C-alpha cells in the first residue's frame, strides 16, 4: 500500500518557471523578487508593511527587537506551540512566561493573558494555532491600554480569517512562516508585517546586518556608496529564489484554502457523532485554513492516542502527534517561565493527533484515513 503522508507542499511547473527566470537573471540573493513578494504579501494580508526574512523565528526575533523588548522584560506566550514561540523572547534577554490555552481552539484567551500580566510584562505573543484564528481583538482590548505589545505568531495563519479579514490584518506586528508544512512555502522563509513604518524600516536594516545601504542598492551602483553600521544587526535575509516561489504560491492561496477546507469538511462529516474523537473546527470569530487538522482522542474511543497512531501507521497512514507543550521540553523544565499548572496544554499535547491533509489528497486516500479511524469502533461493536 502507498503511504499517505500527513502533508505535501503543492508545487509545480509555475514555481519551476519562476525559479528559472531568477537563475537566468543572475540575481539570486535578496533583490527585486523579494521586494515584489513583500508588496504582494502586504496587499493579500491587508498589512501596511511587509519585511521578508529567512524564517518565521527570525521574524519573531525582529518583532521583539523593534518593539523594544529586552533584558528584564517578560513576554507572555502559549506553551501549546512550536518551541520557537518561546525561544524568540530569550534571544532578546526577556523571559517567556507560559500560559494555558482554550481547550476547544488550542489558542490563548484574554482571560489567560490577564492572569499572567505583571509589572514586567512588555509583550504577548499570540498564536493562530494550526490555522485556527486566535481571538485577537479581545487580547488587544486588554493589552493596548496597558502599553503591552501584542505580537501575532501567524506562522500557520496564511489564509485564515478573523472577523472577516485575514488574520494579522489588525496586528501592530505579525510573523509568518513559509516552511513546507505551511500552506505557502518557499522551502524556508518568513515575513514580518507591521502597521508601524518606523519599525518596518528598522527591521529591513536589521535583517541585513543593520547596513545603512542595502545590498540591492550597492549591487545596482557602478560605484557602490559607503555603508555604515549604527547597531548590531543580523543576517536574516530571504533570497530572490525563495521569493519567486513565494509569489507563485501567494497566487495559489485562495485555491489552497478552498481545497483544504473541502477536505477538512469531509473529515468533520465522517467523524460527526463518533464518540471519543473531537475534531478541530472554526471558532465563532473566524475561519481556519486547516493548516493542521487535529483530532482529540477521548476516553470513549477504543484506543488511546499512541495506539491510534500505531493503528494508522499499520494502515500506511502517516499521522502525527499534536502540538508540543514547550514547558515540558528539557530546555524549559525547571525554568521560571513555568509559573502555574497548564492542564489543558498537557491534555491536548498528550491526546491529539494531526491527520493527513494536503491539496493533492484524493477521495480514495481520504477514505482510507477515515476507514482506519472508524475500524476500531467496528471491532468494539462486533467484539
Protein backbone atom coordinates (compact mmCIF):
# COMPACT_ATOMS: atom_id res chain seq x y z
CA UNK A 1 0.00 0.00 0.00
CA UNK A 2 1.20 3.50 -0.83
CA UNK A 3 1.93 5.62 2.22
CA UNK A 4 -0.42 8.53 2.82
CA UNK A 5 1.68 11.43 4.09
CA UNK A 6 0.49 13.92 6.68
CA UNK A 7 1.48 16.84 4.42
CA UNK A 8 2.81 17.59 0.94
CA UNK A 9 3.56 21.04 -0.43
CA UNK A 10 1.73 21.96 -3.64
CA UNK A 11 4.49 22.88 -6.07
CA UNK A 12 4.55 22.60 -9.84
CA UNK A 13 5.57 23.95 -13.22
CA UNK A 14 4.83 27.58 -12.36
CA UNK A 15 7.30 27.52 -9.47
CA UNK A 16 9.92 25.86 -11.68
CA UNK A 17 9.44 28.56 -14.31
CA UNK A 18 9.72 31.31 -11.69
CA UNK A 19 12.97 29.83 -10.37
CA UNK A 20 14.36 29.52 -13.89
CA UNK A 21 13.68 33.21 -14.55
CA UNK A 22 15.55 34.20 -11.39
CA UNK A 23 18.53 31.98 -12.21
CA UNK A 24 18.70 33.37 -15.74
CA UNK A 25 18.56 36.92 -14.40
CA UNK A 26 21.78 36.36 -12.48
CA UNK A 27 20.31 37.91 -9.32
CA UNK A 28 19.59 35.12 -6.87
CA UNK A 29 20.16 36.80 -3.47
CA UNK A 30 17.83 39.36 -1.87
CA UNK A 31 16.69 41.70 -4.60
CA UNK A 32 13.72 42.69 -6.79
CA UNK A 33 11.75 39.46 -6.33
CA UNK A 34 11.93 39.83 -2.54
CA UNK A 35 10.64 43.40 -2.83
CA UNK A 36 7.79 42.22 -5.08
CA UNK A 37 6.88 39.41 -2.72
CA UNK A 38 6.79 41.85 0.19
CA UNK A 39 4.45 44.20 -1.68
CA UNK A 40 2.09 41.45 -2.80
CA UNK A 41 2.04 39.73 0.58
CA UNK A 42 1.21 43.02 2.33
CA UNK A 43 -1.72 43.57 -0.04
CA UNK A 44 -3.01 40.00 0.38
CA UNK A 45 -2.83 40.15 4.19
CA UNK A 46 -4.10 43.75 4.40
CA UNK A 47 -0.91 44.83 6.16
CA UNK A 48 0.73 48.23 5.86
CA UNK A 49 4.31 46.94 5.61
CA UNK A 50 5.92 43.55 4.99
CA UNK A 51 9.56 42.60 5.57
CA UNK A 52 10.77 39.26 4.21
CA UNK A 53 13.04 37.18 6.45
CA UNK A 54 14.88 33.89 6.46
CA UNK A 55 12.17 32.17 8.53
CA UNK A 56 9.36 32.86 11.00
CA UNK A 57 11.61 32.55 14.04
CA UNK A 58 13.82 35.38 12.79
CA UNK A 59 10.69 37.41 12.04
CA UNK A 60 9.57 36.92 15.66
CA UNK A 61 13.03 37.94 16.87
CA UNK A 62 12.95 41.13 14.79
CA UNK A 63 9.42 41.89 16.01
CA UNK A 64 10.60 41.81 19.61
CA UNK A 65 13.69 43.89 18.84
CA UNK A 66 11.82 46.69 17.04
CA UNK A 67 9.14 46.68 19.76
CA UNK A 68 11.85 47.40 22.34
CA UNK A 69 11.55 44.15 24.29
CA UNK A 70 14.75 43.27 26.14
CA UNK A 71 16.51 42.43 29.38
CA UNK A 72 14.26 42.24 32.42
CA UNK A 73 11.03 42.14 30.40
CA UNK A 74 8.51 39.32 30.40
CA UNK A 75 6.72 38.06 27.30
CA UNK A 76 3.54 36.01 27.75
CA UNK A 77 3.43 33.02 25.37
CA UNK A 78 1.43 29.82 24.98
CA UNK A 79 3.24 26.63 25.86
CA UNK A 80 0.97 24.88 23.33
CA UNK A 81 3.06 25.93 20.32
CA UNK A 82 6.24 25.06 18.49
CA UNK A 83 9.16 25.90 20.76
CA UNK A 84 10.28 28.84 18.58
CA UNK A 85 7.43 30.93 20.02
CA UNK A 86 9.06 30.72 23.46
CA UNK A 87 12.64 30.82 22.21
CA UNK A 88 12.30 34.19 20.49
CA UNK A 89 11.92 36.20 23.74
CA UNK A 90 15.04 34.55 25.14
CA UNK A 91 17.04 35.86 22.17
CA UNK A 92 16.43 39.43 23.38
CA UNK A 93 17.06 38.62 27.05
CA UNK A 94 13.41 38.56 28.05
CA UNK A 95 11.65 35.81 30.00
CA UNK A 96 8.91 33.86 28.19
CA UNK A 97 6.03 33.23 30.61
CA UNK A 98 3.89 30.22 29.69
CA UNK A 99 0.10 30.30 29.88
CA UNK A 100 -2.57 27.74 29.13
CA UNK A 101 -4.90 27.68 26.14
CA UNK A 102 -8.58 27.23 25.41
CA UNK A 103 -9.46 23.52 25.34
CA UNK A 104 -11.52 23.82 22.14
CA UNK A 105 -9.43 26.12 19.92
CA UNK A 106 -5.96 25.48 21.33
CA UNK A 107 -5.38 29.25 21.34
CA UNK A 108 -4.68 31.62 24.23
CA UNK A 109 -7.50 33.72 25.66
CA UNK A 110 -7.74 37.23 27.07
CA UNK A 111 -8.52 35.73 30.47
CA UNK A 112 -5.37 33.63 30.41
CA UNK A 113 -3.27 36.61 29.38
CA UNK A 114 -4.79 38.82 32.09
CA UNK A 115 -3.91 36.33 34.81
CA UNK A 116 -0.23 36.31 33.78
CA UNK A 117 0.40 40.06 33.46
CA UNK A 118 2.92 41.57 35.88
CA UNK A 119 4.70 44.90 36.05
CA UNK A 120 7.46 43.33 33.92
CA UNK A 121 5.17 42.28 31.05
CA UNK A 122 6.24 44.08 27.87
CA UNK A 123 4.69 41.89 25.17
CA UNK A 124 2.35 39.00 24.46
CA UNK A 125 2.85 36.55 21.60
CA UNK A 126 -0.44 35.03 20.49
CA UNK A 127 -0.59 32.11 18.04
CA UNK A 128 -3.08 31.13 15.35
CA UNK A 129 -2.50 27.53 16.30
CA UNK A 130 -2.77 25.10 13.41
CA UNK A 131 -4.51 27.83 11.44
CA UNK A 132 -7.28 28.41 14.00
CA UNK A 133 -7.55 32.20 14.42
CA UNK A 134 -6.91 33.45 17.94
CA UNK A 135 -9.43 35.95 19.41
CA UNK A 136 -7.10 38.81 18.64
CA UNK A 137 -9.46 41.69 19.38
CA UNK A 138 -10.21 40.66 22.95
CA UNK A 139 -6.49 40.43 23.74
CA UNK A 140 -5.73 43.81 22.14
CA UNK A 141 -8.55 45.37 24.15
CA UNK A 142 -6.87 44.09 27.30
CA UNK A 143 -3.26 44.89 26.40
CA UNK A 144 -3.32 48.15 24.44
CA UNK A 145 -4.32 50.38 27.39
CA UNK A 146 -1.50 48.82 29.44
CA UNK A 147 1.15 49.54 26.81
CA UNK A 148 1.73 45.83 26.23
CA UNK A 149 2.65 44.99 22.64
CA UNK A 150 0.63 42.14 21.11
CA UNK A 151 2.61 40.19 18.51
CA UNK A 152 0.71 37.69 16.39
CA UNK A 153 2.57 34.48 15.59
CA UNK A 154 0.74 33.77 12.36
CA UNK A 155 3.18 31.07 11.28
CA UNK A 156 0.25 28.79 10.45
CA UNK A 157 -2.24 31.52 9.62
CA UNK A 158 -1.98 32.49 5.93
CA UNK A 159 -5.48 32.06 4.52
CA UNK A 160 -7.30 32.04 7.86
CA UNK A 161 -9.66 34.89 8.72
CA UNK A 162 -10.57 36.86 11.83
CA UNK A 163 -13.89 38.72 11.79
CA UNK A 164 -13.94 38.82 8.00
CA UNK A 165 -10.33 39.93 7.45
CA UNK A 166 -7.09 37.97 7.03
CA UNK A 167 -5.51 37.06 10.36
CA UNK A 168 -2.79 39.53 11.19
CA UNK A 169 -4.55 42.36 9.34
CA UNK A 170 -5.08 44.36 12.52
CA UNK A 171 -1.81 43.44 14.20
CA UNK A 172 0.85 46.01 15.03
CA UNK A 173 3.32 43.15 14.46
CA UNK A 174 2.81 39.69 12.97
CA UNK A 175 5.24 36.93 11.97
CA UNK A 176 4.62 34.38 9.21
CA UNK A 177 6.21 31.10 8.13
CA UNK A 178 6.79 29.65 4.66
CA UNK A 179 8.11 26.28 5.86
CA UNK A 180 6.95 23.30 3.74
CA UNK A 181 4.40 22.37 6.45
CA UNK A 182 2.59 25.65 5.85
CA UNK A 183 0.06 26.50 3.13
CA UNK A 184 2.51 28.82 1.36
CA UNK A 185 6.07 27.58 1.11
CA UNK A 186 9.36 28.97 -0.10
CA UNK A 187 11.28 25.97 1.27
CA UNK A 188 12.31 28.06 4.26
CA UNK A 189 11.40 31.68 4.74
CA UNK A 190 9.31 34.08 6.78
CA UNK A 191 7.71 37.50 6.81
CA UNK A 192 7.25 40.27 9.35
CA UNK A 193 4.23 42.52 8.85
CA UNK A 194 3.58 45.70 10.79
CA UNK A 195 1.46 48.83 10.86
CA UNK A 196 4.44 50.88 12.08
CA UNK A 197 6.51 52.38 9.25
CA UNK A 198 9.47 53.09 11.52
CA UNK A 199 9.56 49.53 12.79
CA UNK A 200 9.40 48.20 9.22
CA UNK A 201 12.30 50.41 8.14
CA UNK A 202 14.42 49.32 11.09
CA UNK A 203 13.58 45.65 10.55
CA UNK A 204 14.74 45.95 6.93
CA UNK A 205 18.10 47.26 8.11
CA UNK A 206 18.48 44.78 10.94
CA UNK A 207 17.85 41.74 8.71
CA UNK A 208 20.80 42.89 6.59
CA UNK A 209 23.46 43.38 9.28
CA UNK A 210 21.98 46.86 10.01
CA UNK A 211 23.73 48.25 6.93
CA UNK A 212 22.86 51.83 6.08
CA UNK A 213 22.91 50.93 2.37
CA UNK A 214 21.11 47.82 1.19
CA UNK A 215 22.85 45.12 -0.80
CA UNK A 216 20.44 45.80 -3.65
CA UNK A 217 21.44 49.47 -3.79
CA UNK A 218 25.12 48.56 -3.73
CA UNK A 219 24.65 45.99 -6.48
CA UNK A 220 22.90 48.43 -8.81
CA UNK A 221 25.52 51.14 -8.34
CA UNK A 222 28.59 51.33 -10.58
CA UNK A 223 30.44 52.97 -7.70
CA UNK A 224 28.96 51.46 -4.54
CA UNK A 225 28.21 54.07 -1.86
CA UNK A 226 29.93 53.64 1.51
CA UNK A 227 27.91 51.91 4.21
CA UNK A 228 27.87 52.23 7.97
CA UNK A 229 26.53 50.06 10.79
CA UNK A 230 24.79 52.04 13.53
CA UNK A 231 23.82 48.96 15.60
CA UNK A 232 24.35 45.22 15.80
CA UNK A 233 22.31 43.56 13.09
CA UNK A 234 21.60 40.06 11.80
CA UNK A 235 21.74 38.05 8.59
CA UNK A 236 18.03 37.27 8.25
CA UNK A 237 17.63 37.80 4.51
CA UNK A 238 15.38 35.95 2.09
CA UNK A 239 16.70 35.16 -1.39
CA UNK A 240 15.09 36.06 -4.72
CA UNK A 241 14.94 32.32 -5.43
CA UNK A 242 12.69 31.84 -2.42
CA UNK A 243 10.65 34.96 -3.13
CA UNK A 244 9.98 33.89 -6.71
CA UNK A 245 8.41 30.68 -5.41
CA UNK A 246 6.53 32.67 -2.77
CA UNK A 247 4.97 34.96 -5.36
CA UNK A 248 3.57 31.97 -7.25
CA UNK A 249 2.41 30.33 -4.03
CA UNK A 250 0.66 33.51 -2.90
CA UNK A 251 -1.36 33.49 -6.11
CA UNK A 252 -2.44 29.94 -5.33
CA UNK A 253 -3.58 30.76 -1.78
CA UNK A 254 -7.36 31.09 -2.38
CA UNK A 255 -7.44 27.73 -4.17
CA UNK A 256 -5.26 26.11 -1.49
CA UNK A 257 -7.59 27.30 1.27
CA UNK A 258 -10.70 26.25 -0.64
CA UNK A 259 -9.34 22.75 -1.18
CA UNK A 260 -8.12 22.33 2.41
CA UNK A 261 -11.47 23.40 3.81
CA UNK A 262 -13.18 20.95 1.46
CA UNK A 263 -11.03 18.08 2.73
CA UNK A 264 -11.50 19.19 6.34
CA UNK A 265 -15.27 19.23 5.85
CA UNK A 266 -15.07 15.63 4.64
CA UNK A 267 -13.26 14.59 7.82
CA UNK A 268 -15.67 16.51 10.02
CA UNK A 269 -18.73 14.96 8.39
CA UNK A 270 -17.28 11.45 8.69
CA UNK A 271 -16.42 11.93 12.38
CA UNK A 272 -19.68 13.58 13.39
CA UNK A 273 -21.16 11.67 16.29
CA UNK A 274 -18.13 9.40 16.69
CA UNK A 275 -17.63 9.03 20.41
CA UNK A 276 -14.18 9.88 21.68
CA UNK A 277 -12.93 11.76 18.60
CA UNK A 278 -13.27 15.56 18.66
CA UNK A 279 -12.06 17.31 15.51
CA UNK A 280 -10.88 20.91 15.41
CA UNK A 281 -13.20 23.41 13.76
CA UNK A 282 -13.84 27.07 13.10
CA UNK A 283 -14.27 29.34 16.13
CA UNK A 284 -17.16 31.78 16.24
CA UNK A 285 -14.96 34.75 15.28
CA UNK A 286 -13.30 33.41 12.13
CA UNK A 287 -12.36 30.64 9.75
CA UNK A 288 -9.42 28.26 9.75
CA UNK A 289 -7.21 27.45 6.78
CA UNK A 290 -6.80 23.99 8.37
CA UNK A 291 -3.04 24.13 8.21
CA UNK A 292 -3.39 21.22 10.64
CA UNK A 293 -6.50 19.10 11.02
CA UNK A 294 -6.14 17.83 14.54
CA UNK A 295 -8.36 15.43 16.46
CA UNK A 296 -8.56 14.97 20.21
CA UNK A 297 -8.80 11.34 21.30
CA UNK A 298 -11.04 10.91 24.35
CA UNK A 299 -11.79 8.11 26.77
CA UNK A 300 -14.82 6.94 24.77
CA UNK A 301 -12.66 5.92 21.83
CA UNK A 302 -11.38 2.31 21.95
CA UNK A 303 -7.72 3.33 21.53
CA UNK A 304 -5.60 5.96 23.20
CA UNK A 305 -3.65 8.45 21.08
CA UNK A 306 -0.46 6.39 20.88
CA UNK A 307 -2.31 3.21 19.98
CA UNK A 308 -4.31 5.07 17.33
CA UNK A 309 -1.12 6.45 15.77
CA UNK A 310 0.25 2.90 15.57
CA UNK A 311 -3.04 1.62 14.12
CA UNK A 312 -2.97 4.33 11.44
CA UNK A 313 0.67 3.59 10.63
CA UNK A 314 -0.22 -0.08 10.11
CA UNK A 315 -2.74 1.15 7.53
CA UNK A 316 0.07 3.18 5.87
CA UNK A 317 -1.43 6.43 7.13
CA UNK A 318 1.22 8.84 8.43
CA UNK A 319 -0.45 10.89 11.16
CA UNK A 320 1.47 12.99 13.70
CA UNK A 321 1.30 13.74 17.40
CA UNK A 322 -0.35 17.06 18.17
CA UNK A 323 1.28 20.36 19.03
CA UNK A 324 4.02 20.19 21.66
CA UNK A 325 3.91 21.54 25.19
CA UNK A 326 7.05 23.68 25.20
CA UNK A 327 7.14 23.85 29.01
CA UNK A 328 7.67 20.08 29.13
CA UNK A 329 10.71 20.20 26.87
CA UNK A 330 14.10 19.80 28.62
CA UNK A 331 15.09 23.34 27.67
CA UNK A 332 12.31 24.75 29.88
CA UNK A 333 11.78 22.17 32.62
CA UNK A 334 12.51 23.89 35.93
CA UNK A 335 12.57 27.31 34.25
CA UNK A 336 10.96 30.39 35.87
CA UNK A 337 8.92 30.52 32.66
CA UNK A 338 6.63 27.89 34.22
CA UNK A 339 4.67 29.62 36.97
CA UNK A 340 1.42 27.69 37.13
CA UNK A 341 -0.03 24.34 36.08
CA UNK A 342 -1.01 24.09 32.41
CA UNK A 343 -3.51 21.21 32.44
CA UNK A 344 -5.23 21.98 29.13
CA UNK A 345 -1.93 22.22 27.28
CA UNK A 346 -0.72 18.94 28.75
CA UNK A 347 -4.00 17.19 27.94
CA UNK A 348 -4.08 18.43 24.34
CA UNK A 349 -0.43 17.56 23.80
CA UNK A 350 -0.97 14.04 25.13
CA UNK A 351 -4.27 13.31 23.39
CA UNK A 352 -4.32 15.00 19.99
CA UNK A 353 -3.06 13.88 16.61
CA UNK A 354 -2.83 15.52 13.19
CA UNK A 355 -4.43 13.78 10.22
CA UNK A 356 -3.21 13.87 6.60
CA UNK A 357 -4.41 16.99 4.82
CA UNK A 358 -2.84 18.45 1.70
CA UNK A 359 -4.02 19.85 -1.61
CA UNK A 360 -3.43 16.67 -3.61
CA UNK A 361 -5.15 14.31 -1.13
CA UNK A 362 -7.73 12.48 -3.24
CA UNK A 363 -11.06 10.99 -2.19
CA UNK A 364 -9.72 7.43 -2.13
CA UNK A 365 -6.85 8.27 0.19
CA UNK A 366 -9.07 10.30 2.46
CA UNK A 367 -11.50 7.37 2.60
CA UNK A 368 -8.58 5.14 3.64
CA UNK A 369 -7.79 7.50 6.53
CA UNK A 370 -11.44 7.67 7.60
CA UNK A 371 -11.89 3.90 7.40
CA UNK A 372 -8.81 3.44 9.57
CA UNK A 373 -10.24 5.84 12.17
CA UNK A 374 -13.60 4.04 12.22
CA UNK A 375 -12.26 0.48 12.19
CA UNK A 376 -11.56 0.25 15.96
CA UNK A 377 -15.18 1.22 16.64
CA UNK A 378 -16.43 -1.63 14.47
CA UNK A 379 -14.26 -4.07 16.41
CA UNK A 380 -15.81 -2.92 19.68
CA UNK A 381 -19.35 -3.13 18.31
CA UNK A 382 -18.82 -6.63 17.00
CA UNK A 383 -16.35 -7.76 19.65
